[in-house]
Amino acid sequence: TNGKKKWNQQVPAAVSDDDDLARSFENPVTKASVTKCLVKARRAQHHYFRYEYAIKYYIRALSILNQAGYPDSHPMVYSTLQSLNDTHHALSSLKNSANIVKM
């Protein structure tokens, strides 16, 4: 395909030995419970705009990942942290806007 990337393909990132090790011991029960928390968090954030609940579910997912021994470089941990950061930013922006309106 002459070197062009399709719109829905992602370029694979370089995988280190730690990531290979992390993927080799993934527990399906842990992954399912984390995925359930992430789905609830995304629904709370994007559909209902309940940022406090979304933050609670992202933190719960991170604690499950930490208890299972996932390294910080694992893609699931990274994406959860990024989503938590985005949600916290949205919540603080909303609170700041509400304070401005109160003035």
Protein backbone atom coordinates (compact mmCIF):
# COMPACT_ATOMS: atom_id res chain seq x y z
CA THR A 1 0.00 0.00 0.00
CA ASN A 2 2.71 2.48 -1.13
CA GLY A 3 3.59 3.64 2.40
CA LYS A 4 0.35 5.51 3.11
CA LYS A 5 -1.49 4.91 6.34
CA LYS A 6 -5.21 4.25 6.26
CA TRP A 7 -7.31 6.62 8.37
CA ASN A 8 -8.21 3.96 10.93
CA GLN A 9 -4.80 2.32 11.32
CA GLN A 10 -2.55 3.22 14.18
CA VAL A 11 1.18 3.13 13.98
CA PRO A 12 2.42 0.62 16.57
CA ALA A 13 4.63 2.15 19.21
CA ALA A 14 7.96 0.68 20.17
CA VAL A 15 7.45 -2.04 22.74
CA SER A 16 9.98 -2.47 25.51
CA ASP A 17 10.74 -5.64 27.45
CA ASP A 18 8.73 -4.30 30.39
CA ASP A 19 5.66 -3.96 28.18
CA ASP A 20 6.08 -7.50 26.88
CA LEU A 21 6.31 -8.72 30.45
CA ALA A 22 3.26 -6.68 31.46
CA ARG A 23 1.18 -8.12 28.62
CA SER A 24 2.28 -11.65 29.44
CA PHE A 25 0.80 -11.65 32.96
CA GLU A 26 -2.44 -9.76 32.29
CA ASN A 27 -5.24 -11.24 34.31
CA PRO A 28 -8.53 -11.40 32.36
CA VAL A 29 -10.56 -10.80 35.54
CA THR A 30 -8.53 -7.66 36.34
CA LYS A 31 -8.81 -6.45 32.77
CA ALA A 32 -12.59 -6.99 32.80
CA SER A 33 -13.08 -5.09 36.07
CA VAL A 34 -10.89 -2.22 34.86
CA THR A 35 -12.76 -2.09 31.57
CA LYS A 36 -16.07 -1.98 33.44
CA CYS A 37 -14.83 0.96 35.53
CA LEU A 38 -13.57 2.77 32.43
CA VAL A 39 -16.89 2.32 30.62
CA LYS A 40 -18.78 3.73 33.60
CA ALA A 41 -16.32 6.62 33.87
CA ARG A 42 -16.57 7.52 30.20
CA ARG A 43 -20.36 7.37 30.32
CA ALA A 44 -20.42 9.60 33.39
CA GLN A 45 -18.02 12.06 31.77
CA HIS A 46 -19.26 12.27 28.20
CA HIS A 47 -22.97 11.45 28.40
CA TYR A 48 -24.07 12.75 31.78
CA PHE A 49 -21.30 15.32 32.51
CA ARG A 50 -20.94 14.02 36.07
CA TYR A 51 -17.25 14.62 36.41
CA GLU A 52 -16.99 13.70 40.10
CA TYR A 53 -18.30 10.20 39.40
CA ALA A 54 -16.03 9.86 36.40
CA ILE A 55 -13.02 10.78 38.52
CA LYS A 56 -14.10 8.25 41.16
CA TYR A 57 -14.27 5.47 38.55
CA TYR A 58 -10.93 6.43 36.96
CA ILE A 59 -9.27 6.35 40.39
CA ARG A 60 -10.88 3.00 41.13
CA ALA A 61 -9.56 1.63 37.82
CA LEU A 62 -6.07 2.92 38.63
CA SER A 63 -6.15 1.32 42.07
CA ILE A 64 -7.16 -2.02 40.54
CA LEU A 65 -4.31 -1.75 38.05
CA ASN A 66 -1.82 -0.86 40.80
CA GLN A 67 -2.96 -3.74 43.00
CA ALA A 68 -2.56 -6.12 40.05
CA GLY A 69 1.03 -4.91 39.59
CA TYR A 70 0.72 -3.21 36.22
CA PRO A 71 3.73 -0.98 35.48
CA ASP A 72 3.27 2.75 34.86
CA SER A 73 4.38 2.28 31.25
CA HIS A 74 1.49 -0.11 30.47
CA PRO A 75 -0.88 1.34 27.82
CA MET A 76 -3.98 0.77 29.96
CA VAL A 77 -2.47 2.64 32.91
CA TYR A 78 -1.32 5.46 30.63
CA SER A 79 -4.71 5.89 28.96
CA THR A 80 -6.50 5.79 32.33
CA LEU A 81 -4.19 8.49 33.71
CA GLN A 82 -4.74 10.61 30.60
CA SER A 83 -8.53 10.27 30.91
CA LEU A 84 -8.34 11.14 34.62
CA ASN A 85 -6.31 14.24 33.78
CA ASP A 86 -8.81 15.30 31.09
CA THR A 87 -11.75 14.80 33.44
CA HIS A 88 -10.08 16.73 36.25
CA HIS A 89 -9.37 19.58 33.84
CA ALA A 90 -13.01 19.63 32.70
CA LEU A 91 -14.24 19.61 36.31
CA SER A 92 -11.96 22.46 37.37
CA SER A 93 -12.96 24.49 34.30
CA LEU A 94 -16.63 23.94 35.10
CA LYS A 95 -16.16 25.01 38.72
CA ASN A 96 -14.19 28.10 37.66
CA SER A 97 -16.92 29.06 35.20
CA ALA A 98 -19.56 28.62 37.89
CA ASN A 99 -17.59 30.87 40.24
CA ILE A 100 -17.34 33.54 37.56
CA VAL A 101 -21.09 33.41 36.98
CA LYS A 102 -21.73 33.73 40.74
CA MET A 103 -19.76 36.99 40.82
